[in-house]
PDB file of N, CA and C in Angstrom:
ATOM      1  N   UNK A   1      16.530 -11.216 -12.514  1.00  0.00           N
ATOM      2  CA  UNK A   1      15.234 -11.194 -11.868  1.00  0.00           C
ATOM      3  C   UNK A   1      14.243 -10.411 -12.741  1.00  0.00           C
ATOM      4  N   UNK A   2      13.040 -10.890 -12.843  1.00  0.00           N
ATOM      5  CA  UNK A   2      11.994 -10.252 -13.623  1.00  0.00           C
ATOM      6  C   UNK A   2      11.543  -8.972 -12.931  1.00  0.00           C
ATOM      7  N   UNK A   3      11.300  -7.942 -13.724  1.00  0.00           N
ATOM      8  CA  UNK A   3      10.787  -6.693 -13.178  1.00  0.00           C
ATOM      9  C   UNK A   3       9.337  -6.889 -12.732  1.00  0.00           C
ATOM     10  N   UNK A   4       9.033  -6.422 -11.556  1.00  0.00           N
ATOM     11  CA  UNK A   4       7.682  -6.484 -11.012  1.00  0.00           C
ATOM     12  C   UNK A   4       7.397  -5.127 -10.412  1.00  0.00           C
ATOM     13  N   UNK A   5       6.263  -4.537 -10.771  1.00  0.00           N
ATOM     14  CA  UNK A   5       5.972  -3.178 -10.331  1.00  0.00           C
ATOM     15  C   UNK A   5       4.729  -3.138  -9.442  1.00  0.00           C
ATOM     16  N   UNK A   6       4.553  -2.010  -8.804  1.00  0.00           N
ATOM     17  CA  UNK A   6       3.339  -1.811  -8.016  1.00  0.00           C
ATOM     18  C   UNK A   6       2.112  -1.825  -8.923  1.00  0.00           C
ATOM     19  N   UNK A   7       2.275  -1.402 -10.161  1.00  0.00           N
ATOM     20  CA  UNK A   7       1.179  -1.462 -11.118  1.00  0.00           C
ATOM     21  C   UNK A   7       0.800  -2.915 -11.400  1.00  0.00           C
ATOM     22  N   UNK A   8       1.797  -3.789 -11.479  1.00  0.00           N
ATOM     23  CA  UNK A   8       1.521  -5.222 -11.648  1.00  0.00           C
ATOM     24  C   UNK A   8       0.739  -5.754 -10.451  1.00  0.00           C
ATOM     25  N   UNK A   9       1.183  -5.370  -9.249  1.00  0.00           N
ATOM     26  CA  UNK A   9       0.507  -5.825  -8.032  1.00  0.00           C
ATOM     27  C   UNK A   9      -0.916  -5.283  -7.976  1.00  0.00           C
ATOM     28  N   UNK A  10      -1.101  -4.040  -8.369  1.00  0.00           N
ATOM     29  CA  UNK A  10      -2.439  -3.452  -8.381  1.00  0.00           C
ATOM     30  C   UNK A  10      -3.355  -4.264  -9.311  1.00  0.00           C
ATOM     31  N   UNK A  11      -2.847  -4.668 -10.464  1.00  0.00           N
ATOM     32  CA  UNK A  11      -3.643  -5.447 -11.421  1.00  0.00           C
ATOM     33  C   UNK A  11      -4.018  -6.815 -10.846  1.00  0.00           C
ATOM     34  N   UNK A  12      -3.087  -7.435 -10.141  1.00  0.00           N
ATOM     35  CA  UNK A  12      -3.365  -8.737  -9.510  1.00  0.00           C
ATOM     36  C   UNK A  12      -4.441  -8.582  -8.447  1.00  0.00           C
ATOM     37  N   UNK A  13      -4.302  -7.550  -7.609  1.00  0.00           N
ATOM     38  CA  UNK A  13      -5.296  -7.306  -6.559  1.00  0.00           C
ATOM     39  C   UNK A  13      -6.663  -7.048  -7.176  1.00  0.00           C
ATOM     40  N   UNK A  14      -6.706  -6.260  -8.233  1.00  0.00           N
ATOM     41  CA  UNK A  14      -7.964  -5.956  -8.912  1.00  0.00           C
ATOM     42  C   UNK A  14      -8.626  -7.235  -9.428  1.00  0.00           C
ATOM     43  N   UNK A  15      -7.824  -8.082 -10.048  1.00  0.00           N
ATOM     44  CA  UNK A  15      -8.362  -9.334 -10.593  1.00  0.00           C
ATOM     45  C   UNK A  15      -8.872 -10.244  -9.476  1.00  0.00           C
ATOM     46  N   UNK A  16      -8.092 -10.379  -8.433  1.00  0.00           N
ATOM     47  CA  UNK A  16      -8.484 -11.283  -7.337  1.00  0.00           C
ATOM     48  C   UNK A  16      -9.652 -10.735  -6.535  1.00  0.00           C
ATOM     49  N   UNK A  17      -9.749  -9.424  -6.417  1.00  0.00           N
ATOM     50  CA  UNK A  17     -10.852  -8.819  -5.667  1.00  0.00           C
ATOM     51  C   UNK A  17     -12.187  -9.147  -6.309  1.00  0.00           C
ATOM     52  N   UNK A  18     -12.194  -9.247  -7.624  1.00  0.00           N
ATOM     53  CA  UNK A  18     -13.429  -9.522  -8.340  1.00  0.00           C
ATOM     54  C   UNK A  18     -13.631 -10.982  -8.693  1.00  0.00           C
ATOM     55  N   UNK A  19     -12.763 -11.836  -8.201  1.00  0.00           N
ATOM     56  CA  UNK A  19     -12.856 -13.249  -8.564  1.00  0.00           C
ATOM     57  C   UNK A  19     -13.900 -13.970  -7.714  1.00  0.00           C
ATOM     58  N   UNK A  20     -14.217 -15.144  -8.146  1.00  0.00           N
ATOM     59  CA  UNK A  20     -15.124 -16.018  -7.401  1.00  0.00           C
ATOM     60  C   UNK A  20     -14.346 -17.058  -6.586  1.00  0.00           C
ATOM     61  N   UNK A  21     -13.027 -16.949  -6.584  1.00  0.00           N
ATOM     62  CA  UNK A  21     -12.166 -17.915  -5.904  1.00  0.00           C
ATOM     63  C   UNK A  21     -12.316 -17.801  -4.390  1.00  0.00           C
ATOM     64  N   UNK A  22     -12.912 -18.792  -3.795  1.00  0.00           N
ATOM     65  CA  UNK A  22     -13.150 -18.777  -2.353  1.00  0.00           C
ATOM     66  C   UNK A  22     -11.857 -18.923  -1.545  1.00  0.00           C
ATOM     67  N   UNK A  23     -10.756 -19.303  -2.202  1.00  0.00           N
ATOM     68  CA  UNK A  23      -9.470 -19.439  -1.531  1.00  0.00           C
ATOM     69  C   UNK A  23      -8.631 -18.165  -1.622  1.00  0.00           C
ATOM     70  N   UNK A  24      -9.151 -17.146  -2.282  1.00  0.00           N
ATOM     71  CA  UNK A  24      -8.406 -15.910  -2.481  1.00  0.00           C
ATOM     72  C   UNK A  24      -8.396 -15.078  -1.199  1.00  0.00           C
ATOM     73  N   UNK A  25      -7.189 -14.848  -0.660  1.00  0.00           N
ATOM     74  CA  UNK A  25      -7.035 -14.000   0.526  1.00  0.00           C
ATOM     75  C   UNK A  25      -7.498 -12.581   0.215  1.00  0.00           C
ATOM     76  N   UNK A  26      -7.156 -12.093  -0.958  1.00  0.00           N
ATOM     77  CA  UNK A  26      -7.531 -10.733  -1.350  1.00  0.00           C
ATOM     78  C   UNK A  26      -9.044 -10.587  -1.354  1.00  0.00           C
ATOM     79  N   UNK A  27      -9.719 -11.517  -1.958  1.00  0.00           N
ATOM     80  CA  UNK A  27     -11.189 -11.483  -2.025  1.00  0.00           C
ATOM     81  C   UNK A  27     -11.791 -11.499  -0.627  1.00  0.00           C
ATOM     82  N   UNK A  28     -11.282 -12.385   0.238  1.00  0.00           N
ATOM     83  CA  UNK A  28     -11.797 -12.482   1.614  1.00  0.00           C
ATOM     84  C   UNK A  28     -11.557 -11.190   2.380  1.00  0.00           C
ATOM     85  N   UNK A  29     -10.343 -10.638   2.251  1.00  0.00           N
ATOM     86  CA  UNK A  29      -9.995  -9.430   2.983  1.00  0.00           C
ATOM     87  C   UNK A  29     -10.881  -8.264   2.544  1.00  0.00           C
ATOM     88  N   UNK A  30     -11.033  -8.064   1.257  1.00  0.00           N
ATOM     89  CA  UNK A  30     -11.875  -6.979   0.754  1.00  0.00           C
ATOM     90  C   UNK A  30     -13.323  -7.188   1.179  1.00  0.00           C
ATOM     91  N   UNK A  31     -13.748  -8.434   1.259  1.00  0.00           N
ATOM     92  CA  UNK A  31     -15.106  -8.741   1.711  1.00  0.00           C
ATOM     93  C   UNK A  31     -15.371  -8.327   3.151  1.00  0.00           C
ATOM     94  N   UNK A  32     -14.305  -8.138   3.923  1.00  0.00           N
ATOM     95  CA  UNK A  32     -14.450  -7.738   5.331  1.00  0.00           C
ATOM     96  C   UNK A  32     -14.563  -6.224   5.499  1.00  0.00           C
ATOM     97  N   UNK A  33     -14.366  -5.485   4.421  1.00  0.00           N
ATOM     98  CA  UNK A  33     -14.568  -4.040   4.465  1.00  0.00           C
ATOM     99  C   UNK A  33     -13.300  -3.244   4.677  1.00  0.00           C
ATOM    100  N   UNK A  34     -13.442  -1.939   4.495  1.00  0.00           N
ATOM    101  CA  UNK A  34     -12.297  -1.036   4.554  1.00  0.00           C
ATOM    102  C   UNK A  34     -11.665  -1.006   5.945  1.00  0.00           C
ATOM    103  N   UNK A  35     -12.459  -1.129   6.987  1.00  0.00           N
ATOM    104  CA  UNK A  35     -11.910  -1.105   8.347  1.00  0.00           C
ATOM    105  C   UNK A  35     -10.906  -2.218   8.580  1.00  0.00           C
ATOM    106  N   UNK A  36     -11.262  -3.425   8.195  1.00  0.00           N
ATOM    107  CA  UNK A  36     -10.359  -4.567   8.369  1.00  0.00           C
ATOM    108  C   UNK A  36      -9.139  -4.424   7.472  1.00  0.00           C
ATOM    109  N   UNK A  37      -9.342  -3.972   6.247  1.00  0.00           N
ATOM    110  CA  UNK A  37      -8.219  -3.777   5.326  1.00  0.00           C
ATOM    111  C   UNK A  37      -7.242  -2.744   5.886  1.00  0.00           C
ATOM    112  N   UNK A  38      -7.773  -1.649   6.407  1.00  0.00           N
ATOM    113  CA  UNK A  38      -6.925  -0.608   6.985  1.00  0.00           C
ATOM    114  C   UNK A  38      -6.220  -1.111   8.239  1.00  0.00           C
ATOM    115  N   UNK A  39      -6.898  -1.916   9.033  1.00  0.00           N
ATOM    116  CA  UNK A  39      -6.276  -2.494  10.230  1.00  0.00           C
ATOM    117  C   UNK A  39      -5.080  -3.359   9.841  1.00  0.00           C
ATOM    118  N   UNK A  40      -5.252  -4.183   8.824  1.00  0.00           N
ATOM    119  CA  UNK A  40      -4.144  -5.039   8.364  1.00  0.00           C
ATOM    120  C   UNK A  40      -2.989  -4.189   7.850  1.00  0.00           C
ATOM    121  N   UNK A  41      -3.301  -3.115   7.121  1.00  0.00           N
ATOM    122  CA  UNK A  41      -2.259  -2.229   6.630  1.00  0.00           C
ATOM    123  C   UNK A  41      -1.490  -1.631   7.804  1.00  0.00           C
ATOM    124  N   UNK A  42      -2.206  -1.201   8.826  1.00  0.00           N
ATOM    125  CA  UNK A  42      -1.566  -0.634  10.010  1.00  0.00           C
ATOM    126  C   UNK A  42      -0.682  -1.623  10.725  1.00  0.00           C
ATOM    127  N   UNK A  43      -1.144  -2.861  10.849  1.00  0.00           N
ATOM    128  CA  UNK A  43      -0.345  -3.903  11.494  1.00  0.00           C
ATOM    129  C   UNK A  43       0.965  -4.116  10.741  1.00  0.00           C
ATOM    130  N   UNK A  44       0.871  -4.161   9.421  1.00  0.00           N
ATOM    131  CA  UNK A  44       2.072  -4.371   8.612  1.00  0.00           C
ATOM    132  C   UNK A  44       3.014  -3.175   8.714  1.00  0.00           C
ATOM    133  N   UNK A  45       2.453  -1.977   8.810  1.00  0.00           N
ATOM    134  CA  UNK A  45       3.290  -0.775   8.967  1.00  0.00           C
ATOM    135  C   UNK A  45       4.070  -0.842  10.272  1.00  0.00           C
ATOM    136  N   UNK A  46       3.402  -1.221  11.337  1.00  0.00           N
ATOM    137  CA  UNK A  46       4.068  -1.335  12.640  1.00  0.00           C
ATOM    138  C   UNK A  46       5.168  -2.390  12.577  1.00  0.00           C
ATOM    139  N   UNK A  47       4.878  -3.525  11.967  1.00  0.00           N
ATOM    140  CA  UNK A  47       5.882  -4.587  11.856  1.00  0.00           C
ATOM    141  C   UNK A  47       7.086  -4.118  11.033  1.00  0.00           C
ATOM    142  N   UNK A  48       6.853  -3.330   9.991  1.00  0.00           N
ATOM    143  CA  UNK A  48       7.955  -2.791   9.192  1.00  0.00           C
ATOM    144  C   UNK A  48       8.785  -1.810  10.021  1.00  0.00           C
ATOM    145  N   UNK A  49       8.130  -0.989  10.811  1.00  0.00           N
ATOM    146  CA  UNK A  49       8.839  -0.040  11.675  1.00  0.00           C
ATOM    147  C   UNK A  49       9.716  -0.788  12.668  1.00  0.00           C
ATOM    148  N   UNK A  50       9.179  -1.803  13.278  1.00  0.00           N
ATOM    149  CA  UNK A  50       9.945  -2.592  14.260  1.00  0.00           C
ATOM    150  C   UNK A  50      11.165  -3.210  13.593  1.00  0.00           C
ATOM    151  N   UNK A  51      10.982  -3.780  12.421  1.00  0.00           N
ATOM    152  CA  UNK A  51      12.109  -4.388  11.699  1.00  0.00           C
ATOM    153  C   UNK A  51      13.170  -3.341  11.368  1.00  0.00           C
ATOM    154  N   UNK A  52      12.734  -2.136  10.983  1.00  0.00           N
ATOM    155  CA  UNK A  52      13.687  -1.064  10.660  1.00  0.00           C
ATOM    156  C   UNK A  52      14.472  -0.659  11.896  1.00  0.00           C
ATOM    157  N   UNK A  53      13.776  -0.469  12.999  1.00  0.00           N
ATOM    158  CA  UNK A  53      14.429  -0.050  14.245  1.00  0.00           C
ATOM    159  C   UNK A  53      15.418  -1.115  14.722  1.00  0.00           C
ATOM    160  N   UNK A  54      15.059  -2.360  14.529  1.00  0.00           N
ATOM    161  CA  UNK A  54      15.932  -3.466  14.942  1.00  0.00           C
ATOM    162  C   UNK A  54      17.061  -3.707  13.951  1.00  0.00           C
ATOM    163  N   UNK A  55      17.024  -3.040  12.815  1.00  0.00           N
ATOM    164  CA  UNK A  55      18.074  -3.214  11.813  1.00  0.00           C
ATOM    165  C   UNK A  55      18.037  -4.553  11.099  1.00  0.00           C
ATOM    166  N   UNK A  56      16.868  -5.183  11.068  1.00  0.00           N
ATOM    167  CA  UNK A  56      16.703  -6.496  10.437  1.00  0.00           C
ATOM    168  C   UNK A  56      16.281  -6.292   8.984  1.00  0.00           C
ATOM    169  N   UNK A  57      17.255  -6.257   8.085  1.00  0.00           N
ATOM    170  CA  UNK A  57      16.976  -5.954   6.681  1.00  0.00           C
ATOM    171  C   UNK A  57      16.073  -6.985   6.016  1.00  0.00           C
ATOM    172  N   UNK A  58      16.292  -8.249   6.315  1.00  0.00           N
ATOM    173  CA  UNK A  58      15.461  -9.290   5.698  1.00  0.00           C
ATOM    174  C   UNK A  58      14.009  -9.156   6.156  1.00  0.00           C
ATOM    175  N   UNK A  59      13.812  -8.945   7.460  1.00  0.00           N
ATOM    176  CA  UNK A  59      12.454  -8.783   7.978  1.00  0.00           C
ATOM    177  C   UNK A  59      11.826  -7.491   7.461  1.00  0.00           C
ATOM    178  N   UNK A  60      12.606  -6.429   7.354  1.00  0.00           N
ATOM    179  CA  UNK A  60      12.099  -5.167   6.814  1.00  0.00           C
ATOM    180  C   UNK A  60      11.657  -5.353   5.368  1.00  0.00           C
ATOM    181  N   UNK A  61      12.421  -6.091   4.598  1.00  0.00           N
ATOM    182  CA  UNK A  61      12.046  -6.367   3.206  1.00  0.00           C
ATOM    183  C   UNK A  61      10.719  -7.118   3.151  1.00  0.00           C
ATOM    184  N   UNK A  62      10.590  -8.145   3.965  1.00  0.00           N
ATOM    185  CA  UNK A  62       9.372  -8.951   3.986  1.00  0.00           C
ATOM    186  C   UNK A  62       8.167  -8.141   4.452  1.00  0.00           C
ATOM    187  N   UNK A  63       8.341  -7.399   5.531  1.00  0.00           N
ATOM    188  CA  UNK A  63       7.229  -6.614   6.069  1.00  0.00           C
ATOM    189  C   UNK A  63       6.841  -5.474   5.135  1.00  0.00           C
ATOM    190  N   UNK A  64       7.819  -4.899   4.434  1.00  0.00           N
ATOM    191  CA  UNK A  64       7.503  -3.848   3.476  1.00  0.00           C
ATOM    192  C   UNK A  64       6.693  -4.402   2.310  1.00  0.00           C
ATOM    193  N   UNK A  65       7.013  -5.610   1.875  1.00  0.00           N
ATOM    194  CA  UNK A  65       6.212  -6.251   0.823  1.00  0.00           C
ATOM    195  C   UNK A  65       4.773  -6.434   1.304  1.00  0.00           C
ATOM    196  N   UNK A  66       4.607  -6.885   2.553  1.00  0.00           N
ATOM    197  CA  UNK A  66       3.265  -7.035   3.116  1.00  0.00           C
ATOM    198  C   UNK A  66       2.550  -5.686   3.191  1.00  0.00           C
ATOM    199  N   UNK A  67       3.286  -4.654   3.624  1.00  0.00           N
ATOM    200  CA  UNK A  67       2.709  -3.322   3.744  1.00  0.00           C
ATOM    201  C   UNK A  67       2.252  -2.790   2.388  1.00  0.00           C
ATOM    202  N   UNK A  68       3.082  -2.937   1.371  1.00  0.00           N
ATOM    203  CA  UNK A  68       2.707  -2.451   0.047  1.00  0.00           C
ATOM    204  C   UNK A  68       1.471  -3.179  -0.480  1.00  0.00           C
ATOM    205  N   UNK A  69       1.422  -4.483  -0.261  1.00  0.00           N
ATOM    206  CA  UNK A  69       0.244  -5.251  -0.677  1.00  0.00           C
ATOM    207  C   UNK A  69      -1.007  -4.713   0.017  1.00  0.00           C
ATOM    208  N   UNK A  70      -0.935  -4.583   1.344  1.00  0.00           N
ATOM    209  CA  UNK A  70      -2.115  -4.143   2.089  1.00  0.00           C
ATOM    210  C   UNK A  70      -2.485  -2.690   1.769  1.00  0.00           C
ATOM    211  N   UNK A  71      -1.502  -1.856   1.495  1.00  0.00           N
ATOM    212  CA  UNK A  71      -1.775  -0.482   1.072  1.00  0.00           C
ATOM    213  C   UNK A  71      -2.566  -0.483  -0.228  1.00  0.00           C
ATOM    214  N   UNK A  72      -2.146  -1.307  -1.179  1.00  0.00           N
ATOM    215  CA  UNK A  72      -2.854  -1.363  -2.461  1.00  0.00           C
ATOM    216  C   UNK A  72      -4.261  -1.942  -2.307  1.00  0.00           C
ATOM    217  N   UNK A  73      -4.439  -2.855  -1.352  1.00  0.00           N
ATOM    218  CA  UNK A  73      -5.785  -3.364  -1.068  1.00  0.00           C
ATOM    219  C   UNK A  73      -6.665  -2.234  -0.534  1.00  0.00           C
ATOM    220  N   UNK A  74      -6.118  -1.427   0.375  1.00  0.00           N
ATOM    221  CA  UNK A  74      -6.879  -0.295   0.908  1.00  0.00           C
ATOM    222  C   UNK A  74      -7.205   0.705  -0.199  1.00  0.00           C
ATOM    223  N   UNK A  75      -6.254   0.969  -1.077  1.00  0.00           N
ATOM    224  CA  UNK A  75      -6.538   1.852  -2.203  1.00  0.00           C
ATOM    225  C   UNK A  75      -7.658   1.271  -3.067  1.00  0.00           C
ATOM    226  N   UNK A  76      -7.604  -0.028  -3.319  1.00  0.00           N
ATOM    227  CA  UNK A  76      -8.623  -0.692  -4.154  1.00  0.00           C
ATOM    228  C   UNK A  76     -10.009  -0.546  -3.541  1.00  0.00           C
ATOM    229  N   UNK A  77     -10.127  -0.878  -2.268  1.00  0.00           N
ATOM    230  CA  UNK A  77     -11.442  -0.842  -1.620  1.00  0.00           C
ATOM    231  C   UNK A  77     -11.946   0.591  -1.475  1.00  0.00           C
ATOM    232  N   UNK A  78     -11.024   1.545  -1.499  1.00  0.00           N
ATOM    233  CA  UNK A  78     -11.367   2.962  -1.378  1.00  0.00           C
ATOM    234  C   UNK A  78     -11.538   3.641  -2.736  1.00  0.00           C
ATOM    235  N   UNK A  79     -11.408   2.856  -3.803  1.00  0.00           N
ATOM    236  CA  UNK A  79     -11.546   3.371  -5.177  1.00  0.00           C
ATOM    237  C   UNK A  79     -10.560   4.496  -5.492  1.00  0.00           C
ATOM    238  N   UNK A  80      -9.334   4.320  -5.019  1.00  0.00           N
ATOM    239  CA  UNK A  80      -8.261   5.266  -5.322  1.00  0.00           C
ATOM    240  C   UNK A  80      -7.228   4.519  -6.162  1.00  0.00           C
ATOM    241  N   UNK A  81      -7.128   4.835  -7.446  1.00  0.00           N
ATOM    242  CA  UNK A  81      -6.145   4.144  -8.283  1.00  0.00           C
ATOM    243  C   UNK A  81      -4.719   4.546  -7.912  1.00  0.00           C
ATOM    244  N   UNK A  82      -3.810   3.604  -8.046  1.00  0.00           N
ATOM    245  CA  UNK A  82      -2.399   3.867  -7.787  1.00  0.00           C
ATOM    246  C   UNK A  82      -1.917   5.040  -8.629  1.00  0.00           C
ATOM    247  N   UNK A  83      -2.447   5.181  -9.830  1.00  0.00           N
ATOM    248  CA  UNK A  83      -2.021   6.283 -10.697  1.00  0.00           C
ATOM    249  C   UNK A  83      -2.301   7.641 -10.055  1.00  0.00           C
ATOM    250  N   UNK A  84      -3.380   7.756  -9.280  1.00  0.00           N
ATOM    251  CA  UNK A  84      -3.659   9.008  -8.575  1.00  0.00           C
ATOM    252  C   UNK A  84      -2.585   9.303  -7.534  1.00  0.00           C
ATOM    253  N   UNK A  85      -2.147   8.264  -6.835  1.00  0.00           N
ATOM    254  CA  UNK A  85      -1.082   8.425  -5.834  1.00  0.00           C
ATOM    255  C   UNK A  85       0.220   8.820  -6.525  1.00  0.00           C
ATOM    256  N   UNK A  86       0.514   8.166  -7.644  1.00  0.00           N
ATOM    257  CA  UNK A  86       1.745   8.477  -8.371  1.00  0.00           C
ATOM    258  C   UNK A  86       1.702   9.900  -8.932  1.00  0.00           C
ATOM    259  N   UNK A  87       0.533  10.331  -9.402  1.00  0.00           N
ATOM    260  CA  UNK A  87       0.391  11.705  -9.882  1.00  0.00           C
ATOM    261  C   UNK A  87       0.630  12.700  -8.747  1.00  0.00           C
ATOM    262  N   UNK A  88       0.119  12.396  -7.569  1.00  0.00           N
ATOM    263  CA  UNK A  88       0.331  13.260  -6.409  1.00  0.00           C
ATOM    264  C   UNK A  88       1.815  13.340  -6.065  1.00  0.00           C
ATOM    265  N   UNK A  89       2.483  12.193  -6.078  1.00  0.00           N
ATOM    266  CA  UNK A  89       3.923  12.202  -5.812  1.00  0.00           C
ATOM    267  C   UNK A  89       4.669  13.014  -6.868  1.00  0.00           C
ATOM    268  N   UNK A  90       4.297  12.834  -8.117  1.00  0.00           N
ATOM    269  CA  UNK A  90       4.958  13.566  -9.197  1.00  0.00           C
ATOM    270  C   UNK A  90       4.771  15.068  -9.041  1.00  0.00           C
ATOM    271  N   UNK A  91       3.596  15.480  -8.580  1.00  0.00           N
ATOM    272  CA  UNK A  91       3.337  16.919  -8.427  1.00  0.00           C
ATOM    273  C   UNK A  91       4.190  17.529  -7.322  1.00  0.00           C
ATOM    274  N   UNK A  92       4.674  16.692  -6.435  1.00  0.00           N
ATOM    275  CA  UNK A  92       5.479  17.184  -5.316  1.00  0.00           C
ATOM    276  C   UNK A  92       6.963  17.281  -5.639  1.00  0.00           C
ATOM    277  N   UNK A  93       7.388  16.757  -6.749  1.00  0.00           N
ATOM    278  CA  UNK A  93       8.819  16.732  -7.055  1.00  0.00           C
ATOM    279  C   UNK A  93       9.356  18.064  -7.552  1.00  0.00           C
ATOM    280  N   UNK A  94       8.469  19.010  -7.868  1.00  0.00           N
ATOM    281  CA  UNK A  94       8.896  20.306  -8.364  1.00  0.00           C
ATOM    282  C   UNK A  94       9.317  21.268  -7.269  1.00  0.00           C
ATOM    283  N   UNK A  95       9.195  20.828  -6.021  1.00  0.00           N
ATOM    284  CA  UNK A  95       9.587  21.680  -4.902  1.00  0.00           C
ATOM    285  C   UNK A  95      10.261  20.825  -3.843  1.00  0.00           C
ATOM    286  N   UNK A  96      10.928  21.464  -2.929  1.00  0.00           N
ATOM    287  CA  UNK A  96      11.572  20.698  -1.862  1.00  0.00           C
ATOM    288  C   UNK A  96      10.504  20.132  -0.940  1.00  0.00           C
ATOM    289  N   UNK A  97      10.862  19.107  -0.208  1.00  0.00           N
ATOM    290  CA  UNK A  97       9.936  18.504   0.742  1.00  0.00           C
ATOM    291  C   UNK A  97       9.451  19.492   1.779  1.00  0.00           C
ATOM    292  N   UNK A  98      10.326  20.369   2.243  1.00  0.00           N
ATOM    293  CA  UNK A  98       9.938  21.358   3.248  1.00  0.00           C
ATOM    294  C   UNK A  98       8.974  22.388   2.662  1.00  0.00           C
ATOM    295  N   UNK A  99       9.190  22.774   1.402  1.00  0.00           N
ATOM    296  CA  UNK A  99       8.268  23.709   0.754  1.00  0.00           C
ATOM    297  C   UNK A  99       6.902  23.061   0.564  1.00  0.00           C
ATOM    298  N   UNK A 100       6.915  21.812   0.132  1.00  0.00           N
ATOM    299  CA  UNK A 100       5.662  21.093  -0.086  1.00  0.00           C
ATOM    300  C   UNK A 100       4.909  20.952   1.235  1.00  0.00           C
ATOM    301  N   UNK A 101       5.593  20.573   2.283  1.00  0.00           N
ATOM    302  CA  UNK A 101       4.958  20.398   3.585  1.00  0.00           C
ATOM    303  C   UNK A 101       4.379  21.716   4.087  1.00  0.00           C
ATOM    304  N   UNK A 102       5.098  22.813   3.887  1.00  0.00           N
ATOM    305  CA  UNK A 102       4.642  24.127   4.330  1.00  0.00           C
ATOM    306  C   UNK A 102       3.403  24.585   3.566  1.00  0.00           C
ATOM    307  N   UNK A 103       3.203  24.063   2.351  1.00  0.00           N
ATOM    308  CA  UNK A 103       2.046  24.477   1.555  1.00  0.00           C
ATOM    309  C   UNK A 103       0.773  23.759   1.965  1.00  0.00           C
ATOM    310  N   UNK A 104       0.880  22.720   2.786  1.00  0.00           N
ATOM    311  CA  UNK A 104      -0.300  21.979   3.228  1.00  0.00           C
ATOM    312  C   UNK A 104      -1.001  22.730   4.357  1.00  0.00           C
ATOM    313  N   UNK A 105      -2.311  22.522   4.483  1.00  0.00           N
ATOM    314  CA  UNK A 105      -3.035  23.147   5.608  1.00  0.00           C
ATOM    315  C   UNK A 105      -2.494  22.613   6.938  1.00  0.00           C
ATOM    316  N   UNK A 106      -2.448  23.459   7.935  1.00  0.00           N
ATOM    317  CA  UNK A 106      -1.975  23.060   9.268  1.00  0.00           C
ATOM    318  C   UNK A 106      -2.956  22.102   9.901  1.00  0.00           C
ATOM    319  N   UNK A 107      -2.437  21.143  10.635  1.00  0.00           N
ATOM    320  CA  UNK A 107      -3.313  20.177  11.358  1.00  0.00           C
ATOM    321  C   UNK A 107      -3.774  20.748  12.666  1.00  0.00           C
TER     322      UNK A 107
END
């Protein structure tokens, strides 16, 4: 199987977001604004959670792919590059998850 990365997906989303292709789902979705993009991301997250709770691995795989796509669309419309997210994750690997969580401001 060919390697495919989130960086590859980000590049595809970037290209399609700026295209003139009227059949592009990405272009249409981004045209509806961040609210709609975030709503779709949330819907996919819920569907992934349901699949996980039900123990449906195939559905979880499919819904997670949808979730990752919609997450990257939200990042795109919000002008947050995936590299910024990856840098944030990398900065957290030097400490335990509990230490990192404790260092965040309280909600």
